Protein backbone atom coordinates (compact mmCIF):
# COMPACT_ATOMS: atom_id res chain seq x y z
CA UNK A 1 24.99 -27.58 -80.28
CA UNK A 2 24.86 -26.98 -76.55
CA UNK A 3 23.07 -29.50 -74.39
CA UNK A 4 21.39 -27.65 -71.54
CA UNK A 5 19.29 -28.55 -68.51
CA UNK A 6 15.53 -28.72 -69.04
CA UNK A 7 14.85 -25.34 -67.41
CA UNK A 8 17.40 -23.51 -69.62
CA UNK A 9 15.95 -25.07 -72.79
CA UNK A 10 12.47 -23.92 -71.77
CA UNK A 11 13.83 -20.42 -71.08
CA UNK A 12 15.34 -20.32 -74.58
CA UNK A 13 12.09 -21.51 -76.17
CA UNK A 14 10.00 -19.00 -74.21
CA UNK A 15 12.37 -16.18 -75.18
CA UNK A 16 11.91 -17.12 -78.86
CA UNK A 17 8.13 -17.45 -78.39
CA UNK A 18 7.92 -13.87 -77.12
CA UNK A 19 9.47 -12.73 -80.45
CA UNK A 20 7.42 -15.18 -82.56
CA UNK A 21 4.14 -15.88 -80.73
CA UNK A 22 2.31 -17.70 -83.53
CA UNK A 23 3.13 -20.76 -85.62
CA UNK A 24 4.61 -23.11 -83.00
CA UNK A 25 4.23 -26.85 -83.43
CA UNK A 26 5.27 -29.88 -81.40
CA UNK A 27 5.63 -33.60 -81.92
CA UNK A 28 5.51 -35.61 -78.71
CA UNK A 29 6.52 -39.18 -78.04
CA UNK A 30 8.18 -41.74 -75.77
CA UNK A 31 11.72 -43.01 -76.17
CA UNK A 32 11.24 -46.44 -74.60
CA UNK A 33 14.93 -47.29 -74.91
CA UNK A 34 15.97 -44.36 -72.70
CA UNK A 35 12.70 -44.11 -70.71
CA UNK A 36 12.19 -40.46 -71.68
CA UNK A 37 9.36 -38.31 -72.87
CA UNK A 38 10.55 -36.46 -75.96
CA UNK A 39 9.24 -33.13 -77.18
CA UNK A 40 10.23 -31.75 -80.58
CA UNK A 41 9.16 -28.10 -80.47
CA UNK A 42 9.61 -26.05 -83.59
CA UNK A 43 8.80 -22.82 -85.43
CA UNK A 44 9.64 -22.06 -89.09
CA UNK A 45 11.52 -18.83 -88.21
CA UNK A 46 13.24 -20.13 -85.07
CA UNK A 47 14.27 -23.76 -85.66
CA UNK A 48 13.76 -26.99 -83.80
CA UNK A 49 14.35 -27.84 -80.16
CA UNK A 50 14.45 -31.28 -78.59
CA UNK A 51 13.58 -31.68 -74.93
CA UNK A 52 14.02 -35.11 -73.27
CA UNK A 53 12.72 -35.55 -69.73
CA UNK A 54 11.39 -38.00 -67.19
CA UNK A 55 9.39 -37.63 -64.00
CA UNK A 56 11.74 -38.32 -61.10
CA UNK A 57 8.75 -38.16 -58.79
CA UNK A 58 5.32 -36.50 -58.97
CA UNK A 59 6.85 -33.13 -58.13
CA UNK A 60 10.10 -33.13 -60.09
CA UNK A 61 10.95 -33.41 -63.78
CA UNK A 62 14.53 -33.99 -64.89
CA UNK A 63 15.78 -33.57 -68.40
CA UNK A 64 18.09 -32.08 -70.99
CA UNK A 65 17.74 -30.67 -74.45
CA UNK A 66 18.89 -28.18 -77.00
CA UNK A 67 18.35 -26.60 -80.35
CA UNK A 68 19.06 -29.28 -82.94
CA UNK A 69 18.18 -27.35 -86.10
CA UNK A 70 18.27 -23.67 -87.02
CA UNK A 71 15.71 -24.19 -89.74
CA UNK A 72 12.98 -26.70 -90.41
CA UNK A 73 13.17 -28.83 -93.55
CA UNK A 74 10.07 -28.60 -95.71
CA UNK A 75 9.86 -32.41 -95.50
CA UNK A 76 9.19 -32.21 -91.76
CA UNK A 77 6.58 -29.48 -92.09
CA UNK A 78 4.63 -31.32 -94.82
CA UNK A 79 5.03 -34.83 -93.40
CA UNK A 80 3.97 -33.88 -89.90
CA UNK A 81 0.70 -32.27 -90.79
CA UNK A 82 -1.95 -34.02 -88.72
CA UNK A 83 -2.01 -32.16 -85.44
CA UNK A 84 -4.61 -33.51 -83.09
CA UNK A 85 -4.22 -31.28 -80.04
CA UNK A 86 -2.72 -28.22 -78.48
CA UNK A 87 0.29 -27.66 -76.27
CA UNK A 88 1.62 -24.81 -74.20
CA UNK A 89 4.15 -23.83 -71.60
CA UNK A 90 2.60 -22.38 -68.45
CA UNK A 91 4.53 -20.02 -66.19
CA UNK A 92 3.31 -19.15 -62.72
CA UNK A 93 4.06 -16.43 -60.23
CA UNK A 94 3.02 -17.93 -56.90
CA UNK A 95 3.08 -14.59 -55.07
CA UNK A 96 0.78 -13.02 -57.65
CA UNK A 97 -1.55 -16.02 -57.53
CA UNK A 98 -1.77 -15.91 -53.74
CA UNK A 99 -2.32 -12.16 -53.80
CA UNK A 100 -5.16 -12.52 -56.28
CA UNK A 101 -6.76 -15.35 -54.29
CA UNK A 102 -6.57 -13.20 -51.14
CA UNK A 103 -8.36 -10.46 -53.08
CA UNK A 104 -11.17 -12.91 -53.87
CA UNK A 105 -10.16 -13.99 -57.38
CA UNK A 106 -11.01 -17.68 -57.82
CA UNK A 107 -8.42 -20.16 -59.12
CA UNK A 108 -10.79 -20.86 -62.02
CA UNK A 109 -10.74 -17.15 -62.97
CA UNK A 110 -6.92 -17.08 -62.76
CA UNK A 111 -6.72 -20.03 -65.17
CA UNK A 112 -9.39 -18.60 -67.49
CA UNK A 113 -7.50 -15.30 -67.62
CA UNK A 114 -4.30 -17.12 -68.63
CA UNK A 115 -6.14 -18.86 -71.47
CA UNK A 116 -7.41 -15.47 -72.64
CA UNK A 117 -3.91 -13.95 -72.52
CA UNK A 118 -4.31 -11.98 -69.28
CA UNK A 119 -1.84 -12.51 -66.45
CA UNK A 120 -3.37 -12.95 -62.99
CA UNK A 121 -0.42 -15.05 -61.84
CA UNK A 122 -0.40 -17.60 -64.66
CA UNK A 123 0.74 -16.93 -68.19
CA UNK A 124 1.08 -19.09 -71.29
CA UNK A 125 3.98 -17.56 -73.26
CA UNK A 126 4.14 -20.45 -75.71
CA UNK A 127 1.27 -22.30 -77.31
CA UNK A 128 0.64 -24.13 -80.53
CA UNK A 129 -0.61 -27.32 -82.11
CA UNK A 130 0.77 -30.75 -81.25
CA UNK A 131 0.86 -34.27 -82.56
CA UNK A 132 1.32 -37.33 -80.40
CA UNK A 133 0.88 -39.74 -83.31
CA UNK A 134 3.49 -42.50 -83.09
CA UNK A 135 4.18 -42.35 -86.86
CA UNK A 136 4.95 -38.61 -86.67
CA UNK A 137 7.23 -39.13 -83.67
CA UNK A 138 9.12 -41.99 -85.35
CA UNK A 139 9.43 -40.01 -88.60
CA UNK A 140 10.90 -36.90 -87.02
CA UNK A 141 13.13 -38.98 -84.73
CA UNK A 142 14.50 -40.92 -87.71
CA UNK A 143 15.17 -37.82 -89.82
CA UNK A 144 16.94 -36.03 -86.97
CA UNK A 145 18.67 -39.03 -85.36
CA UNK A 146 22.22 -37.84 -86.18
CA UNK A 147 21.51 -34.37 -84.76
CA UNK A 148 20.14 -35.62 -81.46
CA UNK A 149 22.82 -38.13 -80.47
CA UNK A 150 24.55 -35.69 -78.12
CA UNK A 151 21.27 -34.99 -76.31
CA UNK A 152 20.58 -38.73 -76.06
CA UNK A 153 24.02 -39.33 -74.51
CA UNK A 154 23.60 -36.49 -72.00
CA UNK A 155 20.15 -37.76 -71.06
CA UNK A 156 21.55 -41.26 -70.52
CA UNK A 157 24.25 -39.81 -68.21
CA UNK A 158 21.66 -37.79 -66.26
CA UNK A 159 19.32 -40.78 -65.97
CA UNK A 160 22.13 -43.09 -64.85
CA UNK A 161 23.34 -40.55 -62.26
CA UNK A 162 19.79 -40.18 -60.97
CA UNK A 163 19.32 -43.96 -60.75
CA UNK A 164 16.63 -44.23 -63.42
CA UNK A 165 18.24 -47.33 -64.91
CA UNK A 166 18.92 -49.02 -61.56
CA UNK A 167 16.49 -51.66 -60.41
CA UNK A 168 15.38 -51.90 -56.81
CA UNK A 169 17.48 -54.28 -54.70
């Protein structure tokens, strides 16, 4: 398994989502030991990705991740069945957004178009149902713990290099 920067993992997931637009699911949670937000994003025909990230500041997210399973065990699909919300990955083309605003298109209309599947500068290439239930997060984390150790180590290195674990002097 290759551990990649956050942006590369998202590119991989989006590429797969263009081939398989429906059926995506996610389990979201916090790894309090490593101070990361964890996202398990999966599709029955694609596999399972883990993305670990933290907000370096309000404008910058740092993280790593990778594909930790080529297929999803039936146990995971059946056990993680109570999805309480939706998730998506939003991509923006700032030049297209500015051009549309200059033509009189309101930001609200640009966002509404993205939600309807039309691209006026924003697109949502990946969307699905999500669970942020702690029991679902702990369950999937426990089942996949051996497969995600490499990502955990790389995240710890990144976080240490970025000073996340250093207190203020």
